[in-house]
N, C-alpha and C. Protein backbone atom coordinates (compact mmCIF):
# COMPACT_ATOMS: atom_id res chain seq x y z
N MET A 1 72.71 137.25 174.11
CA MET A 1 71.54 136.40 174.12
C MET A 1 72.00 134.94 174.26
N MET A 2 71.36 134.22 175.14
CA MET A 2 71.74 132.82 175.39
C MET A 2 70.70 131.87 174.78
N PHE A 3 71.19 130.87 174.11
CA PHE A 3 70.33 129.82 173.57
C PHE A 3 70.50 128.59 174.45
N LYS A 4 69.52 127.71 174.44
CA LYS A 4 69.61 126.47 175.22
C LYS A 4 70.82 125.67 174.77
N THR A 5 71.46 125.05 175.73
CA THR A 5 72.58 124.17 175.41
C THR A 5 72.33 122.80 176.00
N PHE A 6 72.93 121.80 175.39
CA PHE A 6 72.77 120.42 175.80
C PHE A 6 74.15 119.77 175.80
N GLU A 7 74.49 119.10 176.87
CA GLU A 7 75.78 118.43 176.99
C GLU A 7 75.62 116.96 176.61
N LYS A 8 76.52 116.47 175.77
CA LYS A 8 76.52 115.06 175.36
C LYS A 8 77.95 114.55 175.38
N GLU A 9 78.14 113.41 176.03
CA GLU A 9 79.45 112.77 176.01
C GLU A 9 79.45 111.70 174.93
N ILE A 10 80.43 111.80 174.06
CA ILE A 10 80.60 110.83 172.98
C ILE A 10 82.06 110.38 173.03
N GLY A 11 82.25 109.13 173.35
CA GLY A 11 83.61 108.64 173.53
C GLY A 11 84.26 109.37 174.69
N ASP A 12 85.45 109.87 174.47
CA ASP A 12 86.18 110.60 175.52
C ASP A 12 85.93 112.10 175.47
N ASN A 13 85.02 112.54 174.64
CA ASN A 13 84.80 113.97 174.43
C ASN A 13 83.44 114.42 174.93
N LYS A 14 83.41 115.66 175.40
CA LYS A 14 82.17 116.27 175.88
C LYS A 14 81.77 117.36 174.87
N TYR A 15 80.61 117.20 174.27
CA TYR A 15 80.13 118.15 173.28
C TYR A 15 79.04 119.02 173.90
N THR A 16 79.09 120.31 173.59
CA THR A 16 78.03 121.23 173.99
C THR A 16 77.29 121.62 172.72
N ILE A 17 76.07 121.15 172.64
CA ILE A 17 75.22 121.42 171.47
C ILE A 17 74.37 122.64 171.79
N VAL A 18 74.43 123.65 170.95
CA VAL A 18 73.66 124.86 171.13
C VAL A 18 72.44 124.77 170.22
N ALA A 19 71.26 125.02 170.79
CA ALA A 19 70.04 125.01 169.99
C ALA A 19 70.16 126.02 168.86
N PHE A 20 69.61 125.67 167.71
CA PHE A 20 69.69 126.54 166.53
C PHE A 20 68.92 127.84 166.76
N THR A 21 69.37 128.90 166.12
CA THR A 21 68.59 130.13 166.09
C THR A 21 67.32 129.86 165.30
N GLY A 22 66.35 130.72 165.41
CA GLY A 22 65.09 130.51 164.70
C GLY A 22 65.24 130.38 163.20
N SER A 23 65.92 131.34 162.58
CA SER A 23 66.02 131.30 161.11
C SER A 23 66.91 130.16 160.63
N ASN A 24 68.03 129.94 161.29
CA ASN A 24 68.92 128.85 160.90
C ASN A 24 68.23 127.50 161.14
N GLY A 25 67.53 127.39 162.25
CA GLY A 25 66.82 126.15 162.58
C GLY A 25 65.75 125.82 161.55
N LEU A 26 65.01 126.83 161.11
CA LEU A 26 63.98 126.59 160.09
C LEU A 26 64.61 126.11 158.79
N ASP A 27 65.67 126.78 158.38
CA ASP A 27 66.36 126.41 157.15
C ASP A 27 66.86 124.97 157.23
N LEU A 28 67.53 124.63 158.32
CA LEU A 28 68.05 123.28 158.50
C LEU A 28 66.93 122.26 158.64
N MET A 29 65.84 122.65 159.30
CA MET A 29 64.72 121.74 159.50
C MET A 29 64.11 121.31 158.15
N PHE A 30 63.90 122.26 157.26
CA PHE A 30 63.31 121.91 155.97
C PHE A 30 64.24 121.00 155.16
N GLU A 31 65.53 121.24 155.25
CA GLU A 31 66.48 120.36 154.57
C GLU A 31 66.47 118.97 155.21
N PHE A 32 66.41 118.95 156.54
CA PHE A 32 66.38 117.68 157.26
C PHE A 32 65.13 116.87 156.91
N VAL A 33 63.99 117.52 156.76
CA VAL A 33 62.75 116.81 156.41
C VAL A 33 62.93 116.03 155.11
N GLY A 34 63.64 116.60 154.16
CA GLY A 34 63.92 115.89 152.91
C GLY A 34 64.74 114.63 153.14
N TYR A 35 65.80 114.75 153.94
CA TYR A 35 66.63 113.58 154.25
C TYR A 35 65.84 112.54 155.03
N ALA A 36 65.06 112.99 156.01
CA ALA A 36 64.29 112.06 156.83
C ALA A 36 63.24 111.35 155.99
N SER A 37 62.60 112.06 155.09
CA SER A 37 61.58 111.44 154.23
C SER A 37 62.20 110.37 153.35
N THR A 38 63.37 110.66 152.79
CA THR A 38 64.07 109.68 151.97
C THR A 38 64.37 108.42 152.78
N ALA A 39 64.87 108.61 154.00
CA ALA A 39 65.22 107.47 154.84
C ALA A 39 63.99 106.67 155.21
N LEU A 40 62.90 107.34 155.55
CA LEU A 40 61.69 106.62 155.96
C LEU A 40 61.01 105.94 154.77
N LYS A 41 61.16 106.50 153.57
CA LYS A 41 60.63 105.81 152.38
C LYS A 41 61.37 104.50 152.19
N LEU A 42 62.68 104.52 152.37
CA LEU A 42 63.46 103.29 152.26
C LEU A 42 63.03 102.29 153.32
N PHE A 43 62.81 102.77 154.53
CA PHE A 43 62.39 101.91 155.63
C PHE A 43 61.01 101.32 155.35
N SER A 44 60.08 102.16 154.89
CA SER A 44 58.71 101.68 154.68
C SER A 44 58.63 100.69 153.52
N SER A 45 59.55 100.74 152.57
CA SER A 45 59.51 99.80 151.45
C SER A 45 59.85 98.39 151.91
N ASP A 46 60.47 98.27 153.09
CA ASP A 46 60.78 96.95 153.64
C ASP A 46 59.58 96.31 154.34
N LEU A 47 58.54 97.08 154.57
CA LEU A 47 57.38 96.57 155.30
C LEU A 47 56.32 96.05 154.32
N THR A 48 55.41 95.26 154.83
CA THR A 48 54.34 94.76 153.97
C THR A 48 53.38 95.89 153.64
N SER A 49 52.66 95.74 152.56
CA SER A 49 51.75 96.80 152.12
C SER A 49 50.53 96.93 153.02
N SER A 50 50.35 96.02 153.98
CA SER A 50 49.19 96.12 154.87
C SER A 50 49.34 97.24 155.90
N PHE A 51 50.56 97.79 156.04
CA PHE A 51 50.76 98.91 156.96
C PHE A 51 50.30 100.20 156.29
N SER A 52 49.60 101.03 157.04
CA SER A 52 49.25 102.35 156.53
C SER A 52 50.44 103.28 156.74
N LEU A 53 50.44 104.39 156.05
CA LEU A 53 51.51 105.37 156.23
C LEU A 53 51.57 105.80 157.68
N LYS A 54 50.41 105.98 158.29
CA LYS A 54 50.36 106.42 159.70
C LYS A 54 51.07 105.42 160.60
N SER A 55 50.80 104.13 160.42
CA SER A 55 51.43 103.14 161.29
C SER A 55 52.93 103.04 161.02
N ILE A 56 53.32 103.19 159.76
CA ILE A 56 54.76 103.18 159.43
C ILE A 56 55.44 104.36 160.10
N LEU A 57 54.83 105.54 160.00
CA LEU A 57 55.42 106.73 160.57
C LEU A 57 55.51 106.62 162.09
N GLU A 58 54.43 106.20 162.73
CA GLU A 58 54.44 106.08 164.19
C GLU A 58 55.47 105.06 164.65
N THR A 59 55.52 103.92 163.99
CA THR A 59 56.47 102.88 164.36
C THR A 59 57.90 103.35 164.15
N SER A 60 58.18 103.89 162.98
CA SER A 60 59.55 104.24 162.67
C SER A 60 60.05 105.43 163.47
N LEU A 61 59.19 106.40 163.75
CA LEU A 61 59.65 107.55 164.51
C LEU A 61 59.91 107.18 165.97
N GLN A 62 59.19 106.20 166.46
CA GLN A 62 59.39 105.81 167.85
C GLN A 62 60.47 104.74 167.99
N GLU A 63 60.74 104.01 166.94
CA GLU A 63 61.65 102.88 167.04
C GLU A 63 62.81 102.99 166.06
N GLY A 64 63.57 104.02 166.22
CA GLY A 64 64.82 104.10 165.48
C GLY A 64 64.80 104.87 164.18
N ALA A 65 63.83 105.76 163.98
CA ALA A 65 63.81 106.52 162.73
C ALA A 65 65.07 107.34 162.57
N ILE A 66 65.54 107.91 163.66
CA ILE A 66 66.73 108.74 163.55
C ILE A 66 67.92 107.91 163.09
N ASP A 67 67.99 106.66 163.53
CA ASP A 67 69.07 105.78 163.06
C ASP A 67 68.94 105.53 161.56
N LYS A 68 67.71 105.39 161.07
CA LYS A 68 67.48 105.19 159.63
C LYS A 68 67.92 106.44 158.85
N VAL A 69 67.63 107.61 159.41
CA VAL A 69 68.02 108.85 158.75
C VAL A 69 69.54 108.94 158.67
N ILE A 70 70.22 108.64 159.77
CA ILE A 70 71.68 108.70 159.78
C ILE A 70 72.26 107.68 158.81
N ASP A 71 71.70 106.46 158.79
CA ASP A 71 72.16 105.45 157.84
C ASP A 71 71.98 105.93 156.40
N SER A 72 70.83 106.55 156.14
CA SER A 72 70.55 107.06 154.80
C SER A 72 71.53 108.16 154.41
N MET A 73 71.86 109.03 155.37
CA MET A 73 72.82 110.10 155.09
C MET A 73 74.19 109.52 154.75
N GLN A 74 74.58 108.49 155.47
CA GLN A 74 75.87 107.86 155.20
C GLN A 74 75.88 107.24 153.80
N GLU A 75 74.76 106.64 153.40
CA GLU A 75 74.68 106.05 152.06
C GLU A 75 74.70 107.13 150.98
N MET A 76 74.10 108.30 151.27
CA MET A 76 74.08 109.38 150.29
C MET A 76 75.48 109.91 150.03
N LEU A 77 76.38 109.77 151.00
CA LEU A 77 77.76 110.22 150.80
C LEU A 77 78.47 109.42 149.71
N LEU A 78 77.94 108.24 149.41
CA LEU A 78 78.53 107.41 148.36
C LEU A 78 78.19 107.92 146.97
N VAL A 79 77.17 108.76 146.87
CA VAL A 79 76.70 109.27 145.58
C VAL A 79 77.27 110.67 145.38
N LYS A 80 78.09 110.84 144.38
CA LYS A 80 78.80 112.11 144.16
C LYS A 80 77.84 113.29 144.05
N ASP A 81 76.69 113.11 143.40
CA ASP A 81 75.77 114.22 143.19
C ASP A 81 75.24 114.79 144.51
N SER A 82 75.08 113.96 145.53
CA SER A 82 74.55 114.45 146.80
C SER A 82 75.64 114.69 147.85
N ARG A 83 76.83 114.24 147.58
CA ARG A 83 77.90 114.28 148.59
C ARG A 83 78.22 115.69 149.07
N ASP A 84 78.52 116.61 148.16
CA ASP A 84 78.91 117.96 148.56
C ASP A 84 77.80 118.65 149.34
N LYS A 85 76.58 118.50 148.89
CA LYS A 85 75.44 119.11 149.57
C LYS A 85 75.28 118.53 150.97
N LEU A 86 75.43 117.24 151.10
CA LEU A 86 75.26 116.58 152.40
C LEU A 86 76.40 116.95 153.35
N ILE A 87 77.62 117.02 152.86
CA ILE A 87 78.75 117.42 153.71
C ILE A 87 78.51 118.84 154.23
N HIS A 88 78.06 119.72 153.36
CA HIS A 88 77.75 121.09 153.76
C HIS A 88 76.64 121.10 154.82
N PHE A 89 75.62 120.28 154.63
CA PHE A 89 74.51 120.18 155.60
C PHE A 89 75.03 119.69 156.95
N ILE A 90 75.85 118.67 156.96
CA ILE A 90 76.41 118.13 158.20
C ILE A 90 77.25 119.20 158.91
N ARG A 91 78.07 119.90 158.17
CA ARG A 91 78.90 120.95 158.79
C ARG A 91 78.03 122.05 159.38
N ARG A 92 76.93 122.38 158.71
CA ARG A 92 76.01 123.40 159.24
C ARG A 92 75.31 122.89 160.50
N LEU A 93 74.98 121.60 160.53
CA LEU A 93 74.32 121.04 161.72
C LEU A 93 75.18 121.19 162.97
N VAL A 94 76.47 120.95 162.86
CA VAL A 94 77.34 120.94 164.04
C VAL A 94 78.12 122.25 164.22
N ALA A 95 77.87 123.24 163.40
CA ALA A 95 78.67 124.47 163.41
C ALA A 95 78.68 125.20 164.76
N ASP A 96 77.59 125.17 165.50
CA ASP A 96 77.52 125.89 166.77
C ASP A 96 77.87 125.00 167.96
N THR A 97 78.33 123.81 167.69
CA THR A 97 78.69 122.86 168.75
C THR A 97 80.16 123.04 169.11
N THR A 98 80.45 122.89 170.40
CA THR A 98 81.84 122.92 170.83
C THR A 98 82.22 121.56 171.40
N ARG A 99 83.50 121.25 171.34
CA ARG A 99 84.02 119.99 171.88
C ARG A 99 84.96 120.32 173.04
N ASN A 100 84.71 119.67 174.16
CA ASN A 100 85.53 119.84 175.36
C ASN A 100 85.63 121.30 175.80
N GLY A 101 84.55 122.05 175.56
CA GLY A 101 84.44 123.41 176.04
C GLY A 101 85.22 124.47 175.29
N LYS A 102 85.98 124.08 174.27
CA LYS A 102 86.83 125.10 173.62
C LYS A 102 86.91 124.98 172.11
N GLU A 103 86.73 123.82 171.56
CA GLU A 103 86.94 123.63 170.12
C GLU A 103 85.65 123.92 169.36
N ASP A 104 85.67 124.96 168.56
CA ASP A 104 84.51 125.42 167.80
C ASP A 104 84.43 124.64 166.49
N LEU A 105 83.42 123.79 166.38
CA LEU A 105 83.31 122.93 165.19
C LEU A 105 82.86 123.69 163.95
N GLY A 106 82.52 124.97 164.10
CA GLY A 106 82.15 125.77 162.94
C GLY A 106 83.33 126.15 162.07
N LYS A 107 84.53 125.99 162.59
CA LYS A 107 85.74 126.29 161.81
C LYS A 107 86.13 125.06 160.99
N LYS A 108 86.18 125.23 159.67
CA LYS A 108 86.42 124.10 158.77
C LYS A 108 87.70 123.34 159.10
N GLU A 109 88.77 124.06 159.37
CA GLU A 109 90.04 123.40 159.65
C GLU A 109 89.94 122.52 160.89
N LEU A 110 89.28 123.04 161.91
CA LEU A 110 89.12 122.28 163.15
C LEU A 110 88.18 121.10 162.95
N PHE A 111 87.09 121.31 162.21
CA PHE A 111 86.16 120.23 161.87
C PHE A 111 86.93 119.11 161.17
N ASP A 112 87.72 119.47 160.18
CA ASP A 112 88.48 118.48 159.41
C ASP A 112 89.48 117.73 160.28
N MET A 113 90.13 118.44 161.19
CA MET A 113 91.12 117.81 162.05
C MET A 113 90.46 116.86 163.06
N ILE A 114 89.40 117.32 163.70
CA ILE A 114 88.73 116.52 164.75
C ILE A 114 88.13 115.24 164.17
N PHE A 115 87.51 115.35 163.01
CA PHE A 115 86.78 114.20 162.48
C PHE A 115 87.56 113.42 161.42
N SER A 116 88.84 113.73 161.24
CA SER A 116 89.68 112.95 160.35
C SER A 116 89.78 111.52 160.90
N ALA A 117 89.36 110.56 160.12
CA ALA A 117 89.34 109.14 160.53
C ALA A 117 88.54 108.92 161.81
N ASN A 118 87.57 109.80 162.05
CA ASN A 118 86.74 109.73 163.25
C ASN A 118 85.27 109.94 162.87
N TYR A 119 84.86 109.28 161.80
CA TYR A 119 83.54 109.52 161.21
C TYR A 119 82.41 108.96 162.07
N GLU A 120 82.68 107.89 162.78
CA GLU A 120 81.64 107.33 163.64
C GLU A 120 81.23 108.35 164.70
N GLU A 121 82.20 108.98 165.32
CA GLU A 121 81.89 110.01 166.33
C GLU A 121 81.14 111.17 165.69
N LEU A 122 81.50 111.54 164.48
CA LEU A 122 80.81 112.62 163.78
C LEU A 122 79.33 112.27 163.61
N PHE A 123 79.04 111.06 163.14
CA PHE A 123 77.64 110.70 162.91
C PHE A 123 76.85 110.52 164.20
N VAL A 124 77.51 110.12 165.27
CA VAL A 124 76.84 110.08 166.58
C VAL A 124 76.49 111.50 167.00
N LEU A 125 77.42 112.44 166.78
CA LEU A 125 77.15 113.85 167.10
C LEU A 125 76.02 114.40 166.24
N VAL A 126 76.04 114.11 164.96
CA VAL A 126 74.98 114.57 164.07
C VAL A 126 73.63 114.07 164.57
N LYS A 127 73.58 112.81 164.97
CA LYS A 127 72.33 112.25 165.50
C LYS A 127 71.88 113.04 166.72
N GLU A 128 72.80 113.34 167.63
CA GLU A 128 72.44 114.07 168.86
C GLU A 128 71.94 115.48 168.53
N VAL A 129 72.58 116.16 167.59
CA VAL A 129 72.16 117.50 167.20
C VAL A 129 70.74 117.45 166.61
N ILE A 130 70.47 116.46 165.79
CA ILE A 130 69.14 116.31 165.19
C ILE A 130 68.10 116.03 166.26
N VAL A 131 68.41 115.13 167.18
CA VAL A 131 67.46 114.80 168.24
C VAL A 131 67.16 116.04 169.08
N VAL A 132 68.18 116.76 169.48
CA VAL A 132 68.01 117.95 170.33
C VAL A 132 67.17 119.01 169.62
N ASN A 133 67.44 119.26 168.36
CA ASN A 133 66.80 120.37 167.67
C ASN A 133 65.48 120.03 166.99
N PHE A 134 65.30 118.78 166.58
CA PHE A 134 64.13 118.47 165.77
C PHE A 134 63.20 117.42 166.36
N PHE A 135 63.71 116.35 166.90
CA PHE A 135 62.84 115.25 167.27
C PHE A 135 62.06 115.49 168.55
N SER A 136 62.36 116.56 169.27
CA SER A 136 61.53 116.91 170.42
C SER A 136 60.30 117.69 169.95
N GLN A 137 60.28 118.06 168.70
CA GLN A 137 59.18 118.83 168.14
C GLN A 137 58.18 117.91 167.44
N SER A 138 56.97 117.82 167.96
CA SER A 138 56.00 116.90 167.35
C SER A 138 55.60 117.33 165.94
N PHE A 139 55.64 118.65 165.65
CA PHE A 139 55.22 119.08 164.33
C PHE A 139 56.15 118.62 163.23
N ILE A 140 57.42 118.36 163.54
CA ILE A 140 58.33 117.90 162.49
C ILE A 140 57.92 116.51 162.02
N LYS A 141 57.38 115.71 162.93
CA LYS A 141 56.88 114.38 162.55
C LYS A 141 55.72 114.53 161.57
N LYS A 142 54.89 115.54 161.81
CA LYS A 142 53.76 115.79 160.90
C LYS A 142 54.26 116.27 159.54
N MET A 143 55.31 117.09 159.53
CA MET A 143 55.88 117.56 158.26
C MET A 143 56.44 116.40 157.45
N ILE A 144 57.14 115.50 158.15
CA ILE A 144 57.70 114.33 157.47
C ILE A 144 56.57 113.48 156.91
N ALA A 145 55.52 113.27 157.70
CA ALA A 145 54.38 112.47 157.25
C ALA A 145 53.73 113.10 156.03
N LYS A 146 53.56 114.41 156.06
CA LYS A 146 52.93 115.11 154.92
C LYS A 146 53.81 114.98 153.67
N ASN A 147 55.10 115.12 153.85
CA ASN A 147 56.04 114.98 152.74
C ASN A 147 55.97 113.57 152.15
N LEU A 148 55.89 112.57 153.01
CA LEU A 148 55.78 111.19 152.53
C LEU A 148 54.47 110.97 151.79
N GLN A 149 53.39 111.53 152.30
CA GLN A 149 52.08 111.36 151.65
C GLN A 149 52.07 112.01 150.28
N GLN A 150 52.69 113.16 150.14
CA GLN A 150 52.71 113.85 148.86
C GLN A 150 53.48 113.07 147.81
N GLU A 151 54.41 112.25 148.24
CA GLU A 151 55.24 111.50 147.30
C GLU A 151 54.66 110.14 146.95
N GLN A 152 53.56 109.74 147.64
CA GLN A 152 52.97 108.44 147.35
C GLN A 152 51.93 108.57 146.23
N PRO A 153 51.72 107.51 145.44
CA PRO A 153 50.68 107.54 144.43
C PRO A 153 49.32 107.75 145.08
N SER A 154 48.41 108.43 144.36
CA SER A 154 47.12 108.78 144.94
C SER A 154 46.30 107.57 145.37
N SER A 155 46.44 106.42 144.73
CA SER A 155 45.69 105.22 145.13
C SER A 155 46.08 104.76 146.52
N GLU A 156 47.37 104.93 146.88
CA GLU A 156 47.81 104.55 148.23
C GLU A 156 47.28 105.52 149.26
N ASN A 157 47.18 106.80 148.91
CA ASN A 157 46.67 107.80 149.86
C ASN A 157 45.23 107.52 150.23
N LYS A 158 44.44 106.99 149.32
CA LYS A 158 43.03 106.74 149.58
C LYS A 158 42.82 105.60 150.57
N THR A 159 43.78 104.70 150.67
CA THR A 159 43.62 103.54 151.57
C THR A 159 44.02 103.85 152.99
N GLN A 160 44.47 105.05 153.26
CA GLN A 160 44.97 105.36 154.60
C GLN A 160 43.99 106.13 155.41
C-alpha cells in the first residue's frame, strides 16, 4: 500500500515525508493540537484584548502560526517535565521520513547521528511534516480553535 509522499529540500539534504497512516495520524494530530493551542495562547496574549478569538485564530494560522508552534516546542524542551514527552513526539513525527532516499529517520541511532548538532534542520523538518500532515486540513484549525475556547474564561467566550 502506498501513502502520499512529499519531497522537501532542507539544506543539502532531500527529505521524503510520507503522509501518516490514519490511526497514527489521528494520534499525532490530537497531541499536536495540544502543542498548537499552547503556542497560540502565548501568541494571543501578546495582542490587545479587542481581538476576538476568531480574529486571533484566523490571523495567526495564516501568518506564521506554525512558526509559533515550532518556537513553543523549542521552549518546552527547556522544561524537564515536558522534554521527554516532546522528544518522543518529535521522533514519532519524523519516523516515516527518509533522508536522501535511504536514511530511515525512524531508527533512533540514525536519528541521533543525523541531528547531532543539527537541531535547526530537525525543526525545519518537523515544521514541514506538520504542514504536510495537518495544516492542509481545515478541520484541524477548528479543533485548535475549540480547544482554545474551552480554555478561556466563560466571560471572554460570551464576547466573541
